Amino acid sequence: MVPSAVVKPLLEGLVDLIRFLLQPLGYLAFVLALGALSIASALLGERHELGFFAGRVSRMVWRYPEVTRRGVQVAWLAWALLIVLAVSPVSPTHWDEVALGAIGLGVLWRRAFGARRAAR
């Protein structure tokens, strides 16, 4: 029988490794959830209760760049990896390149010409 003093550090190390490997997916899920809140707010509008609430939560979280920075970086990295995959010979169609390019340009357009947030 293996003593628990040996097994416990091994399991903790394994959990830390799994958490480290899955952490980028958590960041990506966070940014996608914030994007979904923003889209829900825009589609439902301020007059709808859920649209109003989604907009408030989204604006409140986006206001803090230290919270969203890592998630946005991982999202851009995932976008870049998907572009590389779309341009490679593995992809038989060019529509994925068009869609990814449109997403990137849409984000950059909103960043350049979208509504400015007030500085705190």
PDB file of N, CA and C in Angstrom:
ATOM      1  N   MET A   1       0.838  -1.177   0.000  1.00  0.00           N
ATOM      2  CA  MET A   1       0.000   0.000   0.000  1.00  0.00           C
ATOM      3  C   MET A   1       0.885   1.242   0.000  1.00  0.00           C
ATOM      4  N   VAL A   2       0.507   2.213  -0.847  1.00  0.00           N
ATOM      5  CA  VAL A   2       1.288   3.442  -0.973  1.00  0.00           C
ATOM      6  C   VAL A   2       0.785   4.441   0.064  1.00  0.00           C
ATOM      7  N   PRO A   3       1.708   5.020   0.829  1.00  0.00           N
ATOM      8  CA  PRO A   3       1.274   5.989   1.846  1.00  0.00           C
ATOM      9  C   PRO A   3       0.655   7.232   1.206  1.00  0.00           C
ATOM     10  N   SER A   4      -0.317   7.810   1.891  1.00  0.00           N
ATOM     11  CA  SER A   4      -1.009   8.992   1.359  1.00  0.00           C
ATOM     12  C   SER A   4      -0.087  10.204   1.297  1.00  0.00           C
ATOM     13  N   ALA A   5       0.998  10.183   2.072  1.00  0.00           N
ATOM     14  CA  ALA A   5       1.957  11.292   2.029  1.00  0.00           C
ATOM     15  C   ALA A   5       2.663  11.348   0.679  1.00  0.00           C
ATOM     16  N   VAL A   6       2.723  10.233  -0.032  1.00  0.00           N
ATOM     17  CA  VAL A   6       3.348  10.192  -1.351  1.00  0.00           C
ATOM     18  C   VAL A   6       2.315  10.491  -2.440  1.00  0.00           C
ATOM     19  N   VAL A   7       1.128   9.966  -2.283  1.00  0.00           N
ATOM     20  CA  VAL A   7       0.094  10.093  -3.309  1.00  0.00           C
ATOM     21  C   VAL A   7      -0.468  11.510  -3.375  1.00  0.00           C
ATOM     22  N   LYS A   8      -0.666  12.124  -2.230  1.00  0.00           N
ATOM     23  CA  LYS A   8      -1.285  13.453  -2.200  1.00  0.00           C
ATOM     24  C   LYS A   8      -0.478  14.493  -2.973  1.00  0.00           C
ATOM     25  N   PRO A   9       0.851  14.607  -2.799  1.00  0.00           N
ATOM     26  CA  PRO A   9       1.601  15.584  -3.613  1.00  0.00           C
ATOM     27  C   PRO A   9       1.569  15.258  -5.105  1.00  0.00           C
ATOM     28  N   LEU A  10       1.568  13.967  -5.450  1.00  0.00           N
ATOM     29  CA  LEU A  10       1.487  13.597  -6.863  1.00  0.00           C
ATOM     30  C   LEU A  10       0.157  14.019  -7.473  1.00  0.00           C
ATOM     31  N   LEU A  11      -0.918  13.794  -6.754  1.00  0.00           N
ATOM     32  CA  LEU A  11      -2.240  14.196  -7.244  1.00  0.00           C
ATOM     33  C   LEU A  11      -2.350  15.710  -7.347  1.00  0.00           C
ATOM     34  N   GLU A  12      -1.820  16.422  -6.357  1.00  0.00           N
ATOM     35  CA  GLU A  12      -1.851  17.884  -6.419  1.00  0.00           C
ATOM     36  C   GLU A  12      -1.051  18.398  -7.603  1.00  0.00           C
ATOM     37  N   GLY A  13       0.093  17.770  -7.866  1.00  0.00           N
ATOM     38  CA  GLY A  13       0.894  18.144  -9.035  1.00  0.00           C
ATOM     39  C   GLY A  13       0.168  17.871 -10.333  1.00  0.00           C
ATOM     40  N   LEU A  14      -0.538  16.752 -10.396  1.00  0.00           N
ATOM     41  CA  LEU A  14      -1.306  16.411 -11.583  1.00  0.00           C
ATOM     42  C   LEU A  14      -2.456  17.396 -11.799  1.00  0.00           C
ATOM     43  N   VAL A  15      -3.133  17.756 -10.735  1.00  0.00           N
ATOM     44  CA  VAL A  15      -4.223  18.729 -10.828  1.00  0.00           C
ATOM     45  C   VAL A  15      -3.679  20.086 -11.275  1.00  0.00           C
ATOM     46  N   ASP A  16      -2.525  20.496 -10.748  1.00  0.00           N
ATOM     47  CA  ASP A  16      -1.918  21.760 -11.164  1.00  0.00           C
ATOM     48  C   ASP A  16      -1.546  21.739 -12.639  1.00  0.00           C
ATOM     49  N   LEU A  17      -1.018  20.614 -13.121  1.00  0.00           N
ATOM     50  CA  LEU A  17      -0.659  20.490 -14.530  1.00  0.00           C
ATOM     51  C   LEU A  17      -1.898  20.567 -15.419  1.00  0.00           C
ATOM     52  N   ILE A  18      -2.950  19.859 -15.053  1.00  0.00           N
ATOM     53  CA  ILE A  18      -4.192  19.893 -15.833  1.00  0.00           C
ATOM     54  C   ILE A  18      -4.782  21.302 -15.836  1.00  0.00           C
ATOM     55  N   ARG A  19      -4.767  21.949 -14.694  1.00  0.00           N
ATOM     56  CA  ARG A  19      -5.280  23.322 -14.605  1.00  0.00           C
ATOM     57  C   ARG A  19      -4.458  24.271 -15.485  1.00  0.00           C
ATOM     58  N   PHE A  20      -3.132  24.086 -15.501  1.00  0.00           N
ATOM     59  CA  PHE A  20      -2.256  24.921 -16.333  1.00  0.00           C
ATOM     60  C   PHE A  20      -2.561  24.712 -17.815  1.00  0.00           C
ATOM     61  N   LEU A  21      -2.783  23.457 -18.208  1.00  0.00           N
ATOM     62  CA  LEU A  21      -3.057  23.166 -19.616  1.00  0.00           C
ATOM     63  C   LEU A  21      -4.440  23.646 -20.063  1.00  0.00           C
ATOM     64  N   LEU A  22      -5.400  23.643 -19.165  1.00  0.00           N
ATOM     65  CA  LEU A  22      -6.762  24.047 -19.516  1.00  0.00           C
ATOM     66  C   LEU A  22      -7.042  25.528 -19.267  1.00  0.00           C
ATOM     67  N   GLN A  23      -6.123  26.230 -18.652  1.00  0.00           N
ATOM     68  CA  GLN A  23      -6.332  27.642 -18.320  1.00  0.00           C
ATOM     69  C   GLN A  23      -6.643  28.508 -19.550  1.00  0.00           C
ATOM     70  N   PRO A  24      -5.945  28.333 -20.684  1.00  0.00           N
ATOM     71  CA  PRO A  24      -6.315  29.137 -21.856  1.00  0.00           C
ATOM     72  C   PRO A  24      -7.762  28.935 -22.298  1.00  0.00           C
ATOM     73  N   LEU A  25      -8.289  27.730 -22.155  1.00  0.00           N
ATOM     74  CA  LEU A  25      -9.691  27.501 -22.516  1.00  0.00           C
ATOM     75  C   LEU A  25     -10.630  28.268 -21.586  1.00  0.00           C
ATOM     76  N   GLY A  26     -10.255  28.388 -20.333  1.00  0.00           N
ATOM     77  CA  GLY A  26     -11.048  29.173 -19.394  1.00  0.00           C
ATOM     78  C   GLY A  26     -11.050  30.646 -19.771  1.00  0.00           C
ATOM     79  N   TYR A  27      -9.881  31.169 -20.160  1.00  0.00           N
ATOM     80  CA  TYR A  27      -9.807  32.564 -20.603  1.00  0.00           C
ATOM     81  C   TYR A  27     -10.669  32.784 -21.841  1.00  0.00           C
ATOM     82  N   LEU A  28     -10.595  31.839 -22.775  1.00  0.00           N
ATOM     83  CA  LEU A  28     -11.381  31.960 -24.002  1.00  0.00           C
ATOM     84  C   LEU A  28     -12.871  31.888 -23.701  1.00  0.00           C
ATOM     85  N   ALA A  29     -13.270  31.004 -22.818  1.00  0.00           N
ATOM     86  CA  ALA A  29     -14.682  30.906 -22.435  1.00  0.00           C
ATOM     87  C   ALA A  29     -15.149  32.196 -21.771  1.00  0.00           C
ATOM     88  N   PHE A  30     -14.295  32.814 -20.970  1.00  0.00           N
ATOM     89  CA  PHE A  30     -14.639  34.072 -20.312  1.00  0.00           C
ATOM     90  C   PHE A  30     -14.897  35.169 -21.334  1.00  0.00           C
ATOM     91  N   VAL A  31     -14.015  35.301 -22.322  1.00  0.00           N
ATOM     92  CA  VAL A  31     -14.183  36.341 -23.342  1.00  0.00           C
ATOM     93  C   VAL A  31     -15.414  36.054 -24.200  1.00  0.00           C
ATOM     94  N   LEU A  32     -15.650  34.783 -24.524  1.00  0.00           N
ATOM     95  CA  LEU A  32     -16.844  34.442 -25.300  1.00  0.00           C
ATOM     96  C   LEU A  32     -18.118  34.759 -24.515  1.00  0.00           C
ATOM     97  N   ALA A  33     -18.088  34.521 -23.215  1.00  0.00           N
ATOM     98  CA  ALA A  33     -19.263  34.840 -22.390  1.00  0.00           C
ATOM     99  C   ALA A  33     -19.501  36.347 -22.347  1.00  0.00           C
ATOM    100  N   LEU A  34     -18.435  37.129 -22.241  1.00  0.00           N
ATOM    101  CA  LEU A  34     -18.599  38.588 -22.265  1.00  0.00           C
ATOM    102  C   LEU A  34     -19.136  39.053 -23.615  1.00  0.00           C
ATOM    103  N   GLY A  35     -18.642  38.433 -24.675  1.00  0.00           N
ATOM    104  CA  GLY A  35     -19.161  38.764 -26.000  1.00  0.00           C
ATOM    105  C   GLY A  35     -20.632  38.403 -26.141  1.00  0.00           C
ATOM    106  N   ALA A  36     -21.015  37.258 -25.588  1.00  0.00           N
ATOM    107  CA  ALA A  36     -22.418  36.849 -25.629  1.00  0.00           C
ATOM    108  C   ALA A  36     -23.294  37.827 -24.854  1.00  0.00           C
ATOM    109  N   LEU A  37     -22.806  38.321 -23.723  1.00  0.00           N
ATOM    110  CA  LEU A  37     -23.567  39.322 -22.970  1.00  0.00           C
ATOM    111  C   LEU A  37     -23.744  40.597 -23.797  1.00  0.00           C
ATOM    112  N   SER A  38     -22.685  41.022 -24.466  1.00  0.00           N
ATOM    113  CA  SER A  38     -22.768  42.234 -25.291  1.00  0.00           C
ATOM    114  C   SER A  38     -23.746  42.042 -26.451  1.00  0.00           C
ATOM    115  N   ILE A  39     -23.694  40.879 -27.079  1.00  0.00           N
ATOM    116  CA  ILE A  39     -24.592  40.604 -28.203  1.00  0.00           C
ATOM    117  C   ILE A  39     -26.037  40.523 -27.719  1.00  0.00           C
ATOM    118  N   ALA A  40     -26.261  39.867 -26.584  1.00  0.00           N
ATOM    119  CA  ALA A  40     -27.624  39.772 -26.033  1.00  0.00           C
ATOM    120  C   ALA A  40     -28.167  41.159 -25.723  1.00  0.00           C
ATOM    121  N   SER A  41     -27.325  42.019 -25.187  1.00  0.00           N
ATOM    122  CA  SER A  41     -27.745  43.380 -24.879  1.00  0.00           C
ATOM    123  C   SER A  41     -28.128  44.137 -26.149  1.00  0.00           C
ATOM    124  N   ALA A  42     -27.325  43.970 -27.194  1.00  0.00           N
ATOM    125  CA  ALA A  42     -27.601  44.679 -28.445  1.00  0.00           C
ATOM    126  C   ALA A  42     -28.864  44.143 -29.122  1.00  0.00           C
ATOM    127  N   LEU A  43     -29.057  42.831 -29.083  1.00  0.00           N
ATOM    128  CA  LEU A  43     -30.216  42.245 -29.756  1.00  0.00           C
ATOM    129  C   LEU A  43     -31.520  42.501 -29.012  1.00  0.00           C
ATOM    130  N   LEU A  44     -31.481  42.425 -27.687  1.00  0.00           N
ATOM    131  CA  LEU A  44     -32.708  42.596 -26.910  1.00  0.00           C
ATOM    132  C   LEU A  44     -33.033  44.062 -26.635  1.00  0.00           C
ATOM    133  N   GLY A  45     -32.018  44.886 -26.566  1.00  0.00           N
ATOM    134  CA  GLY A  45     -32.232  46.305 -26.327  1.00  0.00           C
ATOM    135  C   GLY A  45     -32.361  46.636 -24.846  1.00  0.00           C
ATOM    136  N   GLU A  46     -32.241  47.902 -24.551  1.00  0.00           N
ATOM    137  CA  GLU A  46     -32.282  48.374 -23.166  1.00  0.00           C
ATOM    138  C   GLU A  46     -33.675  48.269 -22.544  1.00  0.00           C
ATOM    139  N   ARG A  47     -34.722  48.251 -23.368  1.00  0.00           N
ATOM    140  CA  ARG A  47     -36.086  48.192 -22.818  1.00  0.00           C
ATOM    141  C   ARG A  47     -36.445  46.810 -22.288  1.00  0.00           C
ATOM    142  N   HIS A  48     -35.818  45.782 -22.829  1.00  0.00           N
ATOM    143  CA  HIS A  48     -36.067  44.417 -22.361  1.00  0.00           C
ATOM    144  C   HIS A  48     -35.263  44.197 -21.081  1.00  0.00           C
ATOM    145  N   GLU A  49     -35.865  43.541 -20.106  1.00  0.00           N
ATOM    146  CA  GLU A  49     -35.206  43.343 -18.812  1.00  0.00           C
ATOM    147  C   GLU A  49     -33.882  42.610 -18.948  1.00  0.00           C
ATOM    148  N   LEU A  50     -33.876  41.532 -19.731  1.00  0.00           N
ATOM    149  CA  LEU A  50     -32.660  40.752 -19.893  1.00  0.00           C
ATOM    150  C   LEU A  50     -31.611  41.528 -20.682  1.00  0.00           C
ATOM    151  N   GLY A  51     -32.042  42.274 -21.689  1.00  0.00           N
ATOM    152  CA  GLY A  51     -31.104  43.094 -22.451  1.00  0.00           C
ATOM    153  C   GLY A  51     -30.473  44.167 -21.589  1.00  0.00           C
ATOM    154  N   PHE A  52     -31.281  44.789 -20.749  1.00  0.00           N
ATOM    155  CA  PHE A  52     -30.777  45.820 -19.837  1.00  0.00           C
ATOM    156  C   PHE A  52     -29.761  45.223 -18.876  1.00  0.00           C
ATOM    157  N   PHE A  53     -30.107  44.067 -18.285  1.00  0.00           N
ATOM    158  CA  PHE A  53     -29.217  43.425 -17.317  1.00  0.00           C
ATOM    159  C   PHE A  53     -27.923  42.953 -17.977  1.00  0.00           C
ATOM    160  N   ALA A  54     -28.031  42.335 -19.166  1.00  0.00           N
ATOM    161  CA  ALA A  54     -26.840  41.860 -19.876  1.00  0.00           C
ATOM    162  C   ALA A  54     -25.922  43.018 -20.229  1.00  0.00           C
ATOM    163  N   GLY A  55     -26.495  44.133 -20.640  1.00  0.00           N
ATOM    164  CA  GLY A  55     -25.686  45.300 -20.965  1.00  0.00           C
ATOM    165  C   GLY A  55     -24.964  45.864 -19.750  1.00  0.00           C
ATOM    166  N   ARG A  56     -25.669  45.927 -18.630  1.00  0.00           N
ATOM    167  CA  ARG A  56     -25.046  46.437 -17.403  1.00  0.00           C
ATOM    168  C   ARG A  56     -23.888  45.561 -16.953  1.00  0.00           C
ATOM    169  N   VAL A  57     -24.109  44.254 -16.950  1.00  0.00           N
ATOM    170  CA  VAL A  57     -23.052  43.329 -16.514  1.00  0.00           C
ATOM    171  C   VAL A  57     -21.867  43.395 -17.469  1.00  0.00           C
ATOM    172  N   SER A  58     -22.145  43.387 -18.760  1.00  0.00           N
ATOM    173  CA  SER A  58     -21.080  43.431 -19.755  1.00  0.00           C
ATOM    174  C   SER A  58     -20.234  44.698 -19.625  1.00  0.00           C
ATOM    175  N   ARG A  59     -20.891  45.843 -19.549  1.00  0.00           N
ATOM    176  CA  ARG A  59     -20.154  47.106 -19.414  1.00  0.00           C
ATOM    177  C   ARG A  59     -19.365  47.163 -18.113  1.00  0.00           C
ATOM    178  N   MET A  60     -19.943  46.618 -17.051  1.00  0.00           N
ATOM    179  CA  MET A  60     -19.265  46.643 -15.764  1.00  0.00           C
ATOM    180  C   MET A  60     -17.970  45.817 -15.809  1.00  0.00           C
ATOM    181  N   VAL A  61     -17.994  44.649 -16.435  1.00  0.00           N
ATOM    182  CA  VAL A  61     -16.802  43.803 -16.487  1.00  0.00           C
ATOM    183  C   VAL A  61     -15.784  44.344 -17.481  1.00  0.00           C
ATOM    184  N   TRP A  62     -16.239  44.824 -18.653  1.00  0.00           N
ATOM    185  CA  TRP A  62     -15.307  45.357 -19.650  1.00  0.00           C
ATOM    186  C   TRP A  62     -14.587  46.607 -19.144  1.00  0.00           C
ATOM    187  N   ARG A  63     -15.132  47.242 -18.138  1.00  0.00           N
ATOM    188  CA  ARG A  63     -14.535  48.457 -17.595  1.00  0.00           C
ATOM    189  C   ARG A  63     -13.179  48.201 -16.939  1.00  0.00           C
ATOM    190  N   TYR A  64     -12.894  46.968 -16.579  1.00  0.00           N
ATOM    191  CA  TYR A  64     -11.664  46.624 -15.866  1.00  0.00           C
ATOM    192  C   TYR A  64     -10.729  45.824 -16.770  1.00  0.00           C
ATOM    193  N   PRO A  65      -9.785  46.497 -17.443  1.00  0.00           N
ATOM    194  CA  PRO A  65      -8.904  45.792 -18.387  1.00  0.00           C
ATOM    195  C   PRO A  65      -8.007  44.754 -17.717  1.00  0.00           C
ATOM    196  N   GLU A  66      -7.705  44.920 -16.442  1.00  0.00           N
ATOM    197  CA  GLU A  66      -6.868  43.927 -15.780  1.00  0.00           C
ATOM    198  C   GLU A  66      -7.580  42.588 -15.644  1.00  0.00           C
ATOM    199  N   VAL A  67      -8.906  42.613 -15.693  1.00  0.00           N
ATOM    200  CA  VAL A  67      -9.681  41.374 -15.627  1.00  0.00           C
ATOM    201  C   VAL A  67      -9.791  40.737 -17.010  1.00  0.00           C
ATOM    202  N   THR A  68      -9.949  41.536 -18.028  1.00  0.00           N
ATOM    203  CA  THR A  68     -10.213  41.015 -19.373  1.00  0.00           C
ATOM    204  C   THR A  68      -8.969  40.853 -20.232  1.00  0.00           C
ATOM    205  N   ARG A  69      -7.850  41.434 -19.848  1.00  0.00           N
ATOM    206  CA  ARG A  69      -6.656  41.452 -20.702  1.00  0.00           C
ATOM    207  C   ARG A  69      -6.206  40.052 -21.114  1.00  0.00           C
ATOM    208  N   ARG A  70      -6.019  39.149 -20.165  1.00  0.00           N
ATOM    209  CA  ARG A  70      -5.514  37.814 -20.484  1.00  0.00           C
ATOM    210  C   ARG A  70      -6.495  37.063 -21.388  1.00  0.00           C
ATOM    211  N   GLY A  71      -7.769  37.188 -21.139  1.00  0.00           N
ATOM    212  CA  GLY A  71      -8.758  36.525 -21.977  1.00  0.00           C
ATOM    213  C   GLY A  71      -8.738  37.033 -23.407  1.00  0.00           C
ATOM    214  N   VAL A  72      -8.571  38.340 -23.567  1.00  0.00           N
ATOM    215  CA  VAL A  72      -8.511  38.926 -24.907  1.00  0.00           C
ATOM    216  C   VAL A  72      -7.247  38.467 -25.624  1.00  0.00           C
ATOM    217  N   GLN A  73      -6.136  38.376 -24.904  1.00  0.00           N
ATOM    218  CA  GLN A  73      -4.897  37.894 -25.515  1.00  0.00           C
ATOM    219  C   GLN A  73      -5.050  36.456 -25.998  1.00  0.00           C
ATOM    220  N   VAL A  74      -5.658  35.616 -25.199  1.00  0.00           N
ATOM    221  CA  VAL A  74      -5.863  34.220 -25.590  1.00  0.00           C
ATOM    222  C   VAL A  74      -6.834  34.142 -26.771  1.00  0.00           C
ATOM    223  N   ALA A  75      -7.844  34.999 -26.788  1.00  0.00           N
ATOM    224  CA  ALA A  75      -8.787  35.003 -27.911  1.00  0.00           C
ATOM    225  C   ALA A  75      -8.077  35.384 -29.208  1.00  0.00           C
ATOM    226  N   TRP A  76      -7.209  36.384 -29.181  1.00  0.00           N
ATOM    227  CA  TRP A  76      -6.456  36.758 -30.381  1.00  0.00           C
ATOM    228  C   TRP A  76      -5.503  35.650 -30.806  1.00  0.00           C
ATOM    229  N   LEU A  77      -4.891  34.960 -29.833  1.00  0.00           N
ATOM    230  CA  LEU A  77      -4.010  33.844 -30.161  1.00  0.00           C
ATOM    231  C   LEU A  77      -4.803  32.717 -30.821  1.00  0.00           C
ATOM    232  N   ALA A  78      -5.973  32.411 -30.293  1.00  0.00           N
ATOM    233  CA  ALA A  78      -6.819  31.377 -30.894  1.00  0.00           C
ATOM    234  C   ALA A  78      -7.235  31.783 -32.302  1.00  0.00           C
ATOM    235  N   TRP A  79      -7.563  33.057 -32.492  1.00  0.00           N
ATOM    236  CA  TRP A  79      -7.930  33.554 -33.825  1.00  0.00           C
ATOM    237  C   TRP A  79      -6.757  33.394 -34.789  1.00  0.00           C
ATOM    238  N   ALA A  80      -5.548  33.729 -34.337  1.00  0.00           N
ATOM    239  CA  ALA A  80      -4.357  33.605 -35.195  1.00  0.00           C
ATOM    240  C   ALA A  80      -4.092  32.142 -35.560  1.00  0.00           C
ATOM    241  N   LEU A  81      -4.249  31.238 -34.595  1.00  0.00           N
ATOM    242  CA  LEU A  81      -4.049  29.819 -34.888  1.00  0.00           C
ATOM    243  C   LEU A  81      -5.093  29.309 -35.885  1.00  0.00           C
ATOM    244  N   LEU A  82      -6.329  29.773 -35.755  1.00  0.00           N
ATOM    245  CA  LEU A  82      -7.364  29.377 -36.706  1.00  0.00           C
ATOM    246  C   LEU A  82      -7.090  29.927 -38.100  1.00  0.00           C
ATOM    247  N   ILE A  83      -6.548  31.137 -38.181  1.00  0.00           N
ATOM    248  CA  ILE A  83      -6.169  31.709 -39.490  1.00  0.00           C
ATOM    249  C   ILE A  83      -5.079  30.867 -40.133  1.00  0.00           C
ATOM    250  N   VAL A  84      -4.074  30.489 -39.345  1.00  0.00           N
ATOM    251  CA  VAL A  84      -2.989  29.654 -39.884  1.00  0.00           C
ATOM    252  C   VAL A  84      -3.553  28.327 -40.380  1.00  0.00           C
ATOM    253  N   LEU A  85      -4.447  27.730 -39.628  1.00  0.00           N
ATOM    254  CA  LEU A  85      -5.069  26.476 -40.044  1.00  0.00           C
ATOM    255  C   LEU A  85      -5.923  26.676 -41.304  1.00  0.00           C
ATOM    256  N   ALA A  86      -6.624  27.802 -41.388  1.00  0.00           N
ATOM    257  CA  ALA A  86      -7.494  28.061 -42.542  1.00  0.00           C
ATOM    258  C   ALA A  86      -6.677  28.296 -43.811  1.00  0.00           C
ATOM    259  N   VAL A  87      -5.513  28.915 -43.688  1.00  0.00           N
ATOM    260  CA  VAL A  87      -4.681  29.208 -44.855  1.00  0.00           C
ATOM    261  C   VAL A  87      -3.905  27.971 -45.302  1.00  0.00           C
ATOM    262  N   SER A  88      -3.685  27.041 -44.403  1.00  0.00           N
ATOM    263  CA  SER A  88      -2.896  25.846 -44.710  1.00  0.00           C
ATOM    264  C   SER A  88      -3.620  24.958 -45.728  1.00  0.00           C
ATOM    265  N   PRO A  89      -2.892  24.055 -46.355  1.00  0.00           N
ATOM    266  CA  PRO A  89      -3.513  23.146 -47.324  1.00  0.00           C
ATOM    267  C   PRO A  89      -4.510  22.162 -46.699  1.00  0.00           C
ATOM    268  N   VAL A  90      -4.564  22.087 -45.384  1.00  0.00           N
ATOM    269  CA  VAL A  90      -5.500  21.184 -44.714  1.00  0.00           C
ATOM    270  C   VAL A  90      -6.940  21.614 -44.973  1.00  0.00           C
ATOM    271  N   SER A  91      -7.156  22.924 -45.086  1.00  0.00           N
ATOM    272  CA  SER A  91      -8.505  23.456 -45.281  1.00  0.00           C
ATOM    273  C   SER A  91      -8.851  23.465 -46.772  1.00  0.00           C
ATOM    274  N   PRO A  92      -9.893  22.729 -47.193  1.00  0.00           N
ATOM    275  CA  PRO A  92     -10.226  22.656 -48.619  1.00  0.00           C
ATOM    276  C   PRO A  92     -11.000  23.873 -49.138  1.00  0.00           C
ATOM    277  N   THR A  93     -11.535  24.700 -48.269  1.00  0.00           N
ATOM    278  CA  THR A  93     -12.353  25.828 -48.696  1.00  0.00           C
ATOM    279  C   THR A  93     -11.749  27.139 -48.210  1.00  0.00           C
ATOM    280  N   HIS A  94     -12.142  28.226 -48.834  1.00  0.00           N
ATOM    281  CA  HIS A  94     -11.636  29.537 -48.442  1.00  0.00           C
ATOM    282  C   HIS A  94     -12.649  30.327 -47.621  1.00  0.00           C
ATOM    283  N   TRP A  95     -13.820  29.756 -47.396  1.00  0.00           N
ATOM    284  CA  TRP A  95     -14.843  30.479 -46.641  1.00  0.00           C
ATOM    285  C   TRP A  95     -14.463  30.653 -45.181  1.00  0.00           C
ATOM    286  N   ASP A  96     -13.698  29.721 -44.632  1.00  0.00           N
ATOM    287  CA  ASP A  96     -13.267  29.883 -43.251  1.00  0.00           C
ATOM    288  C   ASP A  96     -12.305  31.061 -43.122  1.00  0.00           C
ATOM    289  N   GLU A  97     -11.464  31.279 -44.139  1.00  0.00           N
ATOM    290  CA  GLU A  97     -10.574  32.438 -44.133  1.00  0.00           C
ATOM    291  C   GLU A  97     -11.387  33.732 -44.187  1.00  0.00           C
ATOM    292  N   VAL A  98     -12.405  33.737 -45.019  1.00  0.00           N
ATOM    293  CA  VAL A  98     -13.253  34.923 -45.143  1.00  0.00           C
ATOM    294  C   VAL A  98     -13.958  35.213 -43.818  1.00  0.00           C
ATOM    295  N   ALA A  99     -14.504  34.183 -43.200  1.00  0.00           N
ATOM    296  CA  ALA A  99     -15.220  34.375 -41.935  1.00  0.00           C
ATOM    297  C   ALA A  99     -14.271  34.862 -40.835  1.00  0.00           C
ATOM    298  N   LEU A 100     -13.109  34.252 -40.718  1.00  0.00           N
ATOM    299  CA  LEU A 100     -12.153  34.674 -39.692  1.00  0.00           C
ATOM    300  C   LEU A 100     -11.636  36.087 -39.961  1.00  0.00           C
ATOM    301  N   GLY A 101     -11.421  36.409 -41.231  1.00  0.00           N
ATOM    302  CA  GLY A 101     -11.009  37.772 -41.572  1.00  0.00           C
ATOM    303  C   GLY A 101     -12.079  38.786 -41.222  1.00  0.00           C
ATOM    304  N   ALA A 102     -13.337  38.440 -41.493  1.00  0.00           N
ATOM    305  CA  ALA A 102     -14.448  39.348 -41.160  1.00  0.00           C
ATOM    306  C   ALA A 102     -14.557  39.544 -39.655  1.00  0.00           C
ATOM    307  N   ILE A 103     -14.364  38.476 -38.890  1.00  0.00           N
ATOM    308  CA  ILE A 103     -14.412  38.609 -37.428  1.00  0.00           C
ATOM    309  C   ILE A 103     -13.296  39.526 -36.937  1.00  0.00           C
ATOM    310  N   GLY A 104     -12.095  39.307 -37.438  1.00  0.00           N
ATOM    311  CA  GLY A 104     -10.967  40.161 -37.035  1.00  0.00           C
ATOM    312  C   GLY A 104     -11.175  41.619 -37.418  1.00  0.00           C
ATOM    313  N   LEU A 105     -11.632  41.853 -38.640  1.00  0.00           N
ATOM    314  CA  LEU A 105     -11.880  43.232 -39.073  1.00  0.00           C
ATOM    315  C   LEU A 105     -13.019  43.871 -38.277  1.00  0.00           C
ATOM    316  N   GLY A 106     -14.042  43.084 -37.949  1.00  0.00           N
ATOM    317  CA  GLY A 106     -15.140  43.615 -37.142  1.00  0.00           C
ATOM    318  C   GLY A 106     -14.675  44.059 -35.767  1.00  0.00           C
ATOM    319  N   VAL A 107     -13.827  43.253 -35.151  1.00  0.00           N
ATOM    320  CA  VAL A 107     -13.309  43.609 -33.827  1.00  0.00           C
ATOM    321  C   VAL A 107     -12.435  44.849 -33.923  1.00  0.00           C
ATOM    322  N   LEU A 108     -11.563  44.889 -34.925  1.00  0.00           N
ATOM    323  CA  LEU A 108     -10.703  46.068 -35.081  1.00  0.00           C
ATOM    324  C   LEU A 108     -11.510  47.319 -35.411  1.00  0.00           C
ATOM    325  N   TRP A 109     -12.553  47.183 -36.239  1.00  0.00           N
ATOM    326  CA  TRP A 109     -13.409  48.322 -36.578  1.00  0.00           C
ATOM    327  C   TRP A 109     -14.079  48.873 -35.331  1.00  0.00           C
ATOM    328  N   ARG A 110     -14.638  47.976 -34.518  1.00  0.00           N
ATOM    329  CA  ARG A 110     -15.312  48.421 -33.293  1.00  0.00           C
ATOM    330  C   ARG A 110     -14.327  49.080 -32.336  1.00  0.00           C
ATOM    331  N   ARG A 111     -13.122  48.548 -32.309  1.00  0.00           N
ATOM    332  CA  ARG A 111     -12.110  49.115 -31.419  1.00  0.00           C
ATOM    333  C   ARG A 111     -11.668  50.506 -31.896  1.00  0.00           C
ATOM    334  N   ALA A 112     -11.563  50.662 -33.215  1.00  0.00           N
ATOM    335  CA  ALA A 112     -11.101  51.933 -33.752  1.00  0.00           C
ATOM    336  C   ALA A 112     -12.195  52.992 -33.801  1.00  0.00           C
ATOM    337  N   PHE A 113     -13.416  52.595 -34.168  1.00  0.00           N
ATOM    338  CA  PHE A 113     -14.470  53.569 -34.393  1.00  0.00           C
ATOM    339  C   PHE A 113     -15.664  53.417 -33.472  1.00  0.00           C
ATOM    340  N   GLY A 114     -15.634  52.456 -32.573  1.00  0.00           N
ATOM    341  CA  GLY A 114     -16.760  52.228 -31.671  1.00  0.00           C
ATOM    342  C   GLY A 114     -16.864  53.313 -30.612  1.00  0.00           C
ATOM    343  N   ALA A 115     -17.888  53.197 -29.808  1.00  0.00           N
ATOM    344  CA  ALA A 115     -18.093  54.162 -28.750  1.00  0.00           C
ATOM    345  C   ALA A 115     -16.955  54.105 -27.747  1.00  0.00           C
ATOM    346  N   ARG A 116     -16.478  55.269 -27.389  1.00  0.00           N
ATOM    347  CA  ARG A 116     -15.385  55.355 -26.419  1.00  0.00           C
ATOM    348  C   ARG A 116     -15.920  55.213 -25.019  1.00  0.00           C
ATOM    349  N   ARG A 117     -15.173  54.468 -24.198  1.00  0.00           N
ATOM    350  CA  ARG A 117     -15.551  54.331 -22.796  1.00  0.00           C
ATOM    351  C   ARG A 117     -14.928  55.482 -22.012  1.00  0.00           C
ATOM    352  N   ALA A 118     -15.657  55.944 -21.026  1.00  0.00           N
ATOM    353  CA  ALA A 118     -15.162  57.028 -20.202  1.00  0.00           C
ATOM    354  C   ALA A 118     -14.016  56.542 -19.331  1.00  0.00           C
ATOM    355  N   ALA A 119     -13.013  57.368 -19.201  1.00  0.00           N
ATOM    356  CA  ALA A 119     -11.871  57.019 -18.346  1.00  0.00           C
ATOM    357  C   ALA A 119     -12.252  57.186 -16.898  1.00  0.00           C
ATOM    358  N   ARG A 120     -11.695  56.318 -16.059  1.00  0.00           N
ATOM    359  CA  ARG A 120     -11.994  56.399 -14.630  1.00  0.00           C
ATOM    360  C   ARG A 120     -10.941  57.217 -13.944  1.00  0.00           C
TER     361      ARG A 120
END
